[in-house]
């Protein structure tokens, strides 16, 4: 019988930092740009106006996503650093108390008392702060906040997503530009749902259904608003 090493098992948790930002950026890029262009097209605007709106949405959205991700993830990083500094000071001022606290964490997880103390002692010797950060605070290298990674992932994925409806508008006949943008964007959302599900190890059908339903709803509402206000003007 062949024994498979635990290291051969596929895991996805290490992708959460960039995957969340990339999926959010691409989805927002496709959806917000397509919705804006469809709304303007429904208002009987010219092709130049539709393309200008799409390009403006791409630039503004990519910069906005990068800024928003950087600021929000930086706030998380600041909180992590503050907690680590508090823990470092506690380890200096009360090492015995922190050792006992770490042991009790393992006891609470089902480790026998004597073994829990042995584990706490071993981990304290190899890196007390790392042990407390991981097991007391829940901070590890896999989940650590990375502002720059989140910022560029969001900006690049938003720009890539926003390019799709713009290219659809350029290639489509002017009489059917709204339909072309909507159809191409829905295909892009389906592909995004499949890719994000495979990258994250999630069920593909559920991911695709969710992203397509909300994407189609957003574009339909925006088209309705554009038609109402376009007629009114």
C-alpha atoms as a PDB file:
ATOM      1  CA  UNK A   1       0.000   0.000   0.000  1.00  0.00           C
ATOM      2  CA  UNK A   2       1.326   3.417  -0.963  1.00  0.00           C
ATOM      3  CA  UNK A   3       1.417   6.001   1.795  1.00  0.00           C
ATOM      4  CA  UNK A   4       0.809   9.551   0.593  1.00  0.00           C
ATOM      5  CA  UNK A   5       2.735  12.240   2.424  1.00  0.00           C
ATOM      6  CA  UNK A   6       0.756  15.083   3.936  1.00  0.00           C
ATOM      7  CA  UNK A   7       2.940  17.443   1.918  1.00  0.00           C
ATOM      8  CA  UNK A   8       1.356  16.108  -1.286  1.00  0.00           C
ATOM      9  CA  UNK A   9      -2.124  17.199  -0.305  1.00  0.00           C
ATOM     10  CA  UNK A  10      -3.362  20.300  -2.182  1.00  0.00           C
ATOM     11  CA  UNK A  11      -4.174  23.264   0.019  1.00  0.00           C
ATOM     12  CA  UNK A  12      -5.620  26.626  -0.930  1.00  0.00           C
ATOM     13  CA  UNK A  13      -5.356  28.751   2.213  1.00  0.00           C
ATOM     14  CA  UNK A  14      -2.031  30.270   1.137  1.00  0.00           C
ATOM     15  CA  UNK A  15      -3.825  31.864  -1.831  1.00  0.00           C
ATOM     16  CA  UNK A  16      -6.390  33.803   0.168  1.00  0.00           C
ATOM     17  CA  UNK A  17      -4.333  36.999   0.365  1.00  0.00           C
ATOM     18  CA  UNK A  18      -4.102  37.631  -3.359  1.00  0.00           C
ATOM     19  CA  UNK A  19      -7.084  35.533  -4.487  1.00  0.00           C
ATOM     20  CA  UNK A  20      -9.663  37.608  -2.633  1.00  0.00           C
ATOM     21  CA  UNK A  21      -8.248  40.867  -3.988  1.00  0.00           C
ATOM     22  CA  UNK A  22      -7.876  39.510  -7.537  1.00  0.00           C
ATOM     23  CA  UNK A  23     -11.395  38.062  -7.735  1.00  0.00           C
ATOM     24  CA  UNK A  24     -12.920  41.190  -6.225  1.00  0.00           C
ATOM     25  CA  UNK A  25     -10.993  43.409  -8.628  1.00  0.00           C
ATOM     26  CA  UNK A  26     -11.808  41.420 -11.763  1.00  0.00           C
ATOM     27  CA  UNK A  27     -15.463  41.062 -10.837  1.00  0.00           C
ATOM     28  CA  UNK A  28     -15.783  44.755 -10.059  1.00  0.00           C
ATOM     29  CA  UNK A  29     -13.877  45.668 -13.218  1.00  0.00           C
ATOM     30  CA  UNK A  30     -16.195  43.689 -15.470  1.00  0.00           C
ATOM     31  CA  UNK A  31     -19.391  44.526 -13.663  1.00  0.00           C
ATOM     32  CA  UNK A  32     -18.992  48.224 -12.878  1.00  0.00           C
ATOM     33  CA  UNK A  33     -17.543  49.102 -16.278  1.00  0.00           C
ATOM     34  CA  UNK A  34     -20.088  47.029 -18.202  1.00  0.00           C
ATOM     35  CA  UNK A  35     -22.991  48.383 -16.162  1.00  0.00           C
ATOM     36  CA  UNK A  36     -21.878  51.988 -16.693  1.00  0.00           C
ATOM     37  CA  UNK A  37     -21.420  51.487 -20.434  1.00  0.00           C
ATOM     38  CA  UNK A  38     -24.760  49.671 -20.767  1.00  0.00           C
ATOM     39  CA  UNK A  39     -26.521  52.429 -18.848  1.00  0.00           C
ATOM     40  CA  UNK A  40     -25.067  55.085 -21.115  1.00  0.00           C
ATOM     41  CA  UNK A  41     -25.839  53.013 -24.212  1.00  0.00           C
ATOM     42  CA  UNK A  42     -29.442  52.649 -23.045  1.00  0.00           C
ATOM     43  CA  UNK A  43     -29.652  56.432 -22.826  1.00  0.00           C
ATOM     44  CA  UNK A  44     -29.032  56.559 -26.602  1.00  0.00           C
ATOM     45  CA  UNK A  45     -25.549  58.048 -26.224  1.00  0.00           C
ATOM     46  CA  UNK A  46     -22.991  58.023 -29.025  1.00  0.00           C
ATOM     47  CA  UNK A  47     -20.318  55.370 -29.380  1.00  0.00           C
ATOM     48  CA  UNK A  48     -17.655  57.883 -28.390  1.00  0.00           C
ATOM     49  CA  UNK A  49     -19.519  58.626 -25.159  1.00  0.00           C
ATOM     50  CA  UNK A  50     -19.855  54.916 -24.380  1.00  0.00           C
ATOM     51  CA  UNK A  51     -16.150  54.245 -24.956  1.00  0.00           C
ATOM     52  CA  UNK A  52     -15.122  57.340 -23.009  1.00  0.00           C
ATOM     53  CA  UNK A  53     -17.228  56.193 -20.074  1.00  0.00           C
ATOM     54  CA  UNK A  54     -15.641  52.743 -20.218  1.00  0.00           C
ATOM     55  CA  UNK A  55     -12.068  54.065 -20.294  1.00  0.00           C
ATOM     56  CA  UNK A  56     -12.777  56.525 -17.485  1.00  0.00           C
ATOM     57  CA  UNK A  57     -14.314  53.716 -15.432  1.00  0.00           C
ATOM     58  CA  UNK A  58     -11.238  51.532 -16.009  1.00  0.00           C
ATOM     59  CA  UNK A  59      -8.734  54.174 -14.903  1.00  0.00           C
ATOM     60  CA  UNK A  60     -10.733  55.495 -11.967  1.00  0.00           C
ATOM     61  CA  UNK A  61     -11.790  52.049 -10.804  1.00  0.00           C
ATOM     62  CA  UNK A  62      -8.285  50.552 -10.911  1.00  0.00           C
ATOM     63  CA  UNK A  63      -6.844  53.450  -8.911  1.00  0.00           C
ATOM     64  CA  UNK A  64      -9.753  53.341  -6.477  1.00  0.00           C
ATOM     65  CA  UNK A  65      -9.410  49.603  -5.935  1.00  0.00           C
ATOM     66  CA  UNK A  66      -5.667  49.875  -5.357  1.00  0.00           C
ATOM     67  CA  UNK A  67      -6.089  52.722  -2.889  1.00  0.00           C
ATOM     68  CA  UNK A  68      -8.964  51.087  -1.039  1.00  0.00           C
ATOM     69  CA  UNK A  69      -7.208  47.728  -0.722  1.00  0.00           C
ATOM     70  CA  UNK A  70      -3.952  49.315   0.389  1.00  0.00           C
ATOM     71  CA  UNK A  71      -5.626  51.450   3.048  1.00  0.00           C
ATOM     72  CA  UNK A  72      -7.862  48.688   4.407  1.00  0.00           C
ATOM     73  CA  UNK A  73      -5.168  45.996   4.467  1.00  0.00           C
ATOM     74  CA  UNK A  74      -2.685  48.472   5.942  1.00  0.00           C
ATOM     75  CA  UNK A  75      -5.124  49.028   8.795  1.00  0.00           C
ATOM     76  CA  UNK A  76      -5.220  45.275   9.363  1.00  0.00           C
ATOM     77  CA  UNK A  77      -1.415  45.167   9.253  1.00  0.00           C
ATOM     78  CA  UNK A  78      -1.188  47.992  11.803  1.00  0.00           C
ATOM     79  CA  UNK A  79      -3.486  46.076  14.136  1.00  0.00           C
ATOM     80  CA  UNK A  80      -1.396  42.932  13.759  1.00  0.00           C
ATOM     81  CA  UNK A  81       1.813  44.824  14.556  1.00  0.00           C
ATOM     82  CA  UNK A  82       0.222  46.439  17.611  1.00  0.00           C
ATOM     83  CA  UNK A  83      -0.938  43.054  18.904  1.00  0.00           C
ATOM     84  CA  UNK A  84       2.485  41.534  18.319  1.00  0.00           C
ATOM     85  CA  UNK A  85       4.153  44.383  20.191  1.00  0.00           C
ATOM     86  CA  UNK A  86       1.752  43.890  23.105  1.00  0.00           C
ATOM     87  CA  UNK A  87       2.526  40.187  23.113  1.00  0.00           C
ATOM     88  CA  UNK A  88       6.287  40.812  22.934  1.00  0.00           C
ATOM     89  CA  UNK A  89       6.094  43.071  25.977  1.00  0.00           C
ATOM     90  CA  UNK A  90       4.010  40.515  27.886  1.00  0.00           C
ATOM     91  CA  UNK A  91       6.589  37.828  27.153  1.00  0.00           C
ATOM     92  CA  UNK A  92       9.315  40.064  28.562  1.00  0.00           C
ATOM     93  CA  UNK A  93       7.375  41.120  31.662  1.00  0.00           C
ATOM     94  CA  UNK A  94       5.667  37.836  32.550  1.00  0.00           C
ATOM     95  CA  UNK A  95       7.216  34.851  30.732  1.00  0.00           C
ATOM     96  CA  UNK A  96       5.854  32.279  33.193  1.00  0.00           C
ATOM     97  CA  UNK A  97       2.331  33.603  32.904  1.00  0.00           C
ATOM     98  CA  UNK A  98       2.537  33.621  29.102  1.00  0.00           C
ATOM     99  CA  UNK A  99       3.881  30.070  29.148  1.00  0.00           C
ATOM    100  CA  UNK A 100       0.922  28.956  31.231  1.00  0.00           C
ATOM    101  CA  UNK A 101      -1.469  30.812  28.951  1.00  0.00           C
ATOM    102  CA  UNK A 102      -0.034  29.021  25.924  1.00  0.00           C
ATOM    103  CA  UNK A 103      -0.299  25.647  27.655  1.00  0.00           C
ATOM    104  CA  UNK A 104      -3.938  26.291  28.549  1.00  0.00           C
ATOM    105  CA  UNK A 105      -4.689  27.069  24.909  1.00  0.00           C
ATOM    106  CA  UNK A 106      -3.541  23.569  23.976  1.00  0.00           C
ATOM    107  CA  UNK A 107      -5.437  22.064  26.906  1.00  0.00           C
ATOM    108  CA  UNK A 108      -8.600  23.776  25.645  1.00  0.00           C
ATOM    109  CA  UNK A 109      -8.016  22.123  22.274  1.00  0.00           C
ATOM    110  CA  UNK A 110      -7.953  18.676  23.822  1.00  0.00           C
ATOM    111  CA  UNK A 111      -4.256  18.135  24.552  1.00  0.00           C
ATOM    112  CA  UNK A 112      -3.580  16.431  27.929  1.00  0.00           C
ATOM    113  CA  UNK A 113      -2.271  18.816  30.579  1.00  0.00           C
ATOM    114  CA  UNK A 114       1.256  17.398  30.877  1.00  0.00           C
ATOM    115  CA  UNK A 115       1.695  17.148  27.126  1.00  0.00           C
ATOM    116  CA  UNK A 116       0.317  20.664  26.640  1.00  0.00           C
ATOM    117  CA  UNK A 117       2.985  22.037  28.966  1.00  0.00           C
ATOM    118  CA  UNK A 118       5.675  20.122  27.121  1.00  0.00           C
ATOM    119  CA  UNK A 119       4.463  21.484  23.802  1.00  0.00           C
ATOM    120  CA  UNK A 120       4.324  25.018  25.204  1.00  0.00           C
ATOM    121  CA  UNK A 121       7.887  24.664  26.518  1.00  0.00           C
ATOM    122  CA  UNK A 122       9.217  23.336  23.212  1.00  0.00           C
ATOM    123  CA  UNK A 123       7.513  26.019  21.138  1.00  0.00           C
ATOM    124  CA  UNK A 124       8.601  28.755  23.541  1.00  0.00           C
ATOM    125  CA  UNK A 125      12.214  27.681  23.141  1.00  0.00           C
ATOM    126  CA  UNK A 126      11.980  27.638  19.349  1.00  0.00           C
ATOM    127  CA  UNK A 127      10.114  30.950  19.123  1.00  0.00           C
ATOM    128  CA  UNK A 128       7.853  32.225  21.859  1.00  0.00           C
ATOM    129  CA  UNK A 129       6.451  35.194  19.949  1.00  0.00           C
ATOM    130  CA  UNK A 130       5.706  33.118  16.865  1.00  0.00           C
ATOM    131  CA  UNK A 131       3.917  30.500  18.972  1.00  0.00           C
ATOM    132  CA  UNK A 132       1.755  33.096  20.731  1.00  0.00           C
ATOM    133  CA  UNK A 133       1.098  34.957  17.475  1.00  0.00           C
ATOM    134  CA  UNK A 134      -0.120  31.779  15.778  1.00  0.00           C
ATOM    135  CA  UNK A 135      -1.993  30.024  18.585  1.00  0.00           C
ATOM    136  CA  UNK A 136      -3.188  32.944  20.728  1.00  0.00           C
ATOM    137  CA  UNK A 137      -3.685  35.727  18.184  1.00  0.00           C
ATOM    138  CA  UNK A 138      -4.301  33.691  15.025  1.00  0.00           C
ATOM    139  CA  UNK A 139      -1.567  35.500  13.077  1.00  0.00           C
ATOM    140  CA  UNK A 140       0.558  33.386  10.726  1.00  0.00           C
ATOM    141  CA  UNK A 141       2.498  33.821   7.504  1.00  0.00           C
ATOM    142  CA  UNK A 142      -0.458  32.384   5.569  1.00  0.00           C
ATOM    143  CA  UNK A 143      -2.947  34.972   6.838  1.00  0.00           C
ATOM    144  CA  UNK A 144      -0.622  37.917   7.424  1.00  0.00           C
ATOM    145  CA  UNK A 145      -1.810  41.208   5.916  1.00  0.00           C
ATOM    146  CA  UNK A 146       0.153  42.304   2.835  1.00  0.00           C
ATOM    147  CA  UNK A 147      -1.017  45.778   1.694  1.00  0.00           C
ATOM    148  CA  UNK A 148       1.081  46.085  -1.465  1.00  0.00           C
ATOM    149  CA  UNK A 149       0.128  42.602  -2.665  1.00  0.00           C
ATOM    150  CA  UNK A 150      -3.561  43.374  -2.173  1.00  0.00           C
ATOM    151  CA  UNK A 151      -3.235  46.768  -3.885  1.00  0.00           C
ATOM    152  CA  UNK A 152      -1.540  45.644  -7.084  1.00  0.00           C
ATOM    153  CA  UNK A 153      -3.656  42.488  -7.324  1.00  0.00           C
ATOM    154  CA  UNK A 154      -6.848  44.537  -7.147  1.00  0.00           C
ATOM    155  CA  UNK A 155      -5.680  47.221  -9.582  1.00  0.00           C
ATOM    156  CA  UNK A 156      -4.356  44.771 -12.178  1.00  0.00           C
ATOM    157  CA  UNK A 157      -7.376  42.478 -12.006  1.00  0.00           C
ATOM    158  CA  UNK A 158      -9.808  45.414 -12.163  1.00  0.00           C
ATOM    159  CA  UNK A 159      -8.084  46.775 -15.277  1.00  0.00           C
ATOM    160  CA  UNK A 160      -8.120  43.323 -16.891  1.00  0.00           C
ATOM    161  CA  UNK A 161     -11.806  42.889 -16.121  1.00  0.00           C
ATOM    162  CA  UNK A 162     -12.744  46.384 -17.291  1.00  0.00           C
ATOM    163  CA  UNK A 163     -10.956  45.834 -20.600  1.00  0.00           C
ATOM    164  CA  UNK A 164     -13.454  43.119 -21.555  1.00  0.00           C
ATOM    165  CA  UNK A 165     -16.600  45.269 -21.996  1.00  0.00           C
ATOM    166  CA  UNK A 166     -14.537  48.003 -23.664  1.00  0.00           C
ATOM    167  CA  UNK A 167     -13.239  45.568 -26.292  1.00  0.00           C
ATOM    168  CA  UNK A 168     -16.777  44.248 -26.776  1.00  0.00           C
ATOM    169  CA  UNK A 169     -18.009  47.777 -27.459  1.00  0.00           C
ATOM    170  CA  UNK A 170     -15.222  48.433 -29.971  1.00  0.00           C
ATOM    171  CA  UNK A 171     -15.927  45.219 -31.893  1.00  0.00           C
ATOM    172  CA  UNK A 172     -19.736  45.363 -31.846  1.00  0.00           C
ATOM    173  CA  UNK A 173     -22.030  47.106 -34.344  1.00  0.00           C
ATOM    174  CA  UNK A 174     -23.254  50.393 -32.882  1.00  0.00           C
ATOM    175  CA  UNK A 175     -26.888  49.234 -33.053  1.00  0.00           C
ATOM    176  CA  UNK A 176     -26.189  46.256 -30.773  1.00  0.00           C
ATOM    177  CA  UNK A 177     -23.449  47.604 -28.531  1.00  0.00           C
ATOM    178  CA  UNK A 178     -25.463  47.190 -25.313  1.00  0.00           C
ATOM    179  CA  UNK A 179     -26.266  43.546 -26.045  1.00  0.00           C
ATOM    180  CA  UNK A 180     -22.661  42.848 -27.008  1.00  0.00           C
ATOM    181  CA  UNK A 181     -21.319  44.377 -23.805  1.00  0.00           C
ATOM    182  CA  UNK A 182     -23.803  42.470 -21.664  1.00  0.00           C
ATOM    183  CA  UNK A 183     -23.233  39.126 -23.370  1.00  0.00           C
ATOM    184  CA  UNK A 184     -19.446  39.403 -23.361  1.00  0.00           C
ATOM    185  CA  UNK A 185     -19.410  40.539 -19.743  1.00  0.00           C
ATOM    186  CA  UNK A 186     -21.597  37.625 -18.647  1.00  0.00           C
ATOM    187  CA  UNK A 187     -19.237  35.219 -20.392  1.00  0.00           C
ATOM    188  CA  UNK A 188     -16.359  36.917 -18.612  1.00  0.00           C
ATOM    189  CA  UNK A 189     -18.135  36.564 -15.270  1.00  0.00           C
ATOM    190  CA  UNK A 190     -18.755  32.869 -15.934  1.00  0.00           C
ATOM    191  CA  UNK A 191     -15.070  32.347 -16.699  1.00  0.00           C
ATOM    192  CA  UNK A 192     -14.108  34.322 -13.600  1.00  0.00           C
ATOM    193  CA  UNK A 193     -16.412  32.183 -11.478  1.00  0.00           C
ATOM    194  CA  UNK A 194     -14.845  28.997 -12.841  1.00  0.00           C
ATOM    195  CA  UNK A 195     -11.276  30.225 -12.368  1.00  0.00           C
ATOM    196  CA  UNK A 196     -11.857  31.551  -8.851  1.00  0.00           C
ATOM    197  CA  UNK A 197     -13.609  28.345  -7.811  1.00  0.00           C
ATOM    198  CA  UNK A 198     -10.789  26.166  -9.141  1.00  0.00           C
ATOM    199  CA  UNK A 199      -8.115  28.381  -7.566  1.00  0.00           C
ATOM    200  CA  UNK A 200      -9.876  28.295  -4.217  1.00  0.00           C
ATOM    201  CA  UNK A 201     -11.047  24.692  -4.305  1.00  0.00           C
ATOM    202  CA  UNK A 202     -14.736  25.687  -4.157  1.00  0.00           C
ATOM    203  CA  UNK A 203     -17.716  24.144  -6.025  1.00  0.00           C
ATOM    204  CA  UNK A 204     -17.745  25.562  -9.565  1.00  0.00           C
ATOM    205  CA  UNK A 205     -21.521  25.531 -10.107  1.00  0.00           C
ATOM    206  CA  UNK A 206     -22.271  27.531  -6.989  1.00  0.00           C
ATOM    207  CA  UNK A 207     -19.564  30.113  -7.715  1.00  0.00           C
ATOM    208  CA  UNK A 208     -20.727  30.603 -11.315  1.00  0.00           C
ATOM    209  CA  UNK A 209     -24.429  30.836 -10.420  1.00  0.00           C
ATOM    210  CA  UNK A 210     -23.730  33.413  -7.731  1.00  0.00           C
ATOM    211  CA  UNK A 211     -21.552  35.674  -9.845  1.00  0.00           C
ATOM    212  CA  UNK A 212     -23.798  35.476 -12.934  1.00  0.00           C
ATOM    213  CA  UNK A 213     -27.018  36.145 -11.028  1.00  0.00           C
ATOM    214  CA  UNK A 214     -25.764  39.282  -9.312  1.00  0.00           C
ATOM    215  CA  UNK A 215     -23.880  40.453 -12.399  1.00  0.00           C
ATOM    216  CA  UNK A 216     -26.908  40.139 -14.677  1.00  0.00           C
ATOM    217  CA  UNK A 217     -29.093  41.848 -12.082  1.00  0.00           C
ATOM    218  CA  UNK A 218     -26.723  44.801 -11.776  1.00  0.00           C
ATOM    219  CA  UNK A 219     -26.479  45.300 -15.539  1.00  0.00           C
ATOM    220  CA  UNK A 220     -30.252  45.022 -15.972  1.00  0.00           C
ATOM    221  CA  UNK A 221     -30.964  47.617 -13.291  1.00  0.00           C
ATOM    222  CA  UNK A 222     -28.353  50.006 -14.703  1.00  0.00           C
ATOM    223  CA  UNK A 223     -29.764  49.625 -18.231  1.00  0.00           C
ATOM    224  CA  UNK A 224     -33.246  50.411 -16.900  1.00  0.00           C
ATOM    225  CA  UNK A 225     -31.979  53.518 -15.101  1.00  0.00           C
ATOM    226  CA  UNK A 226     -30.135  54.668 -18.217  1.00  0.00           C
ATOM    227  CA  UNK A 227     -33.215  54.223 -20.381  1.00  0.00           C
ATOM    228  CA  UNK A 228     -35.480  56.064 -17.940  1.00  0.00           C
ATOM    229  CA  UNK A 229     -33.201  59.029 -17.443  1.00  0.00           C
ATOM    230  CA  UNK A 230     -32.075  59.054 -21.060  1.00  0.00           C
ATOM    231  CA  UNK A 231     -35.686  59.375 -22.229  1.00  0.00           C
ATOM    232  CA  UNK A 232     -36.379  61.997 -19.599  1.00  0.00           C
ATOM    233  CA  UNK A 233     -33.455  64.110 -20.798  1.00  0.00           C
END
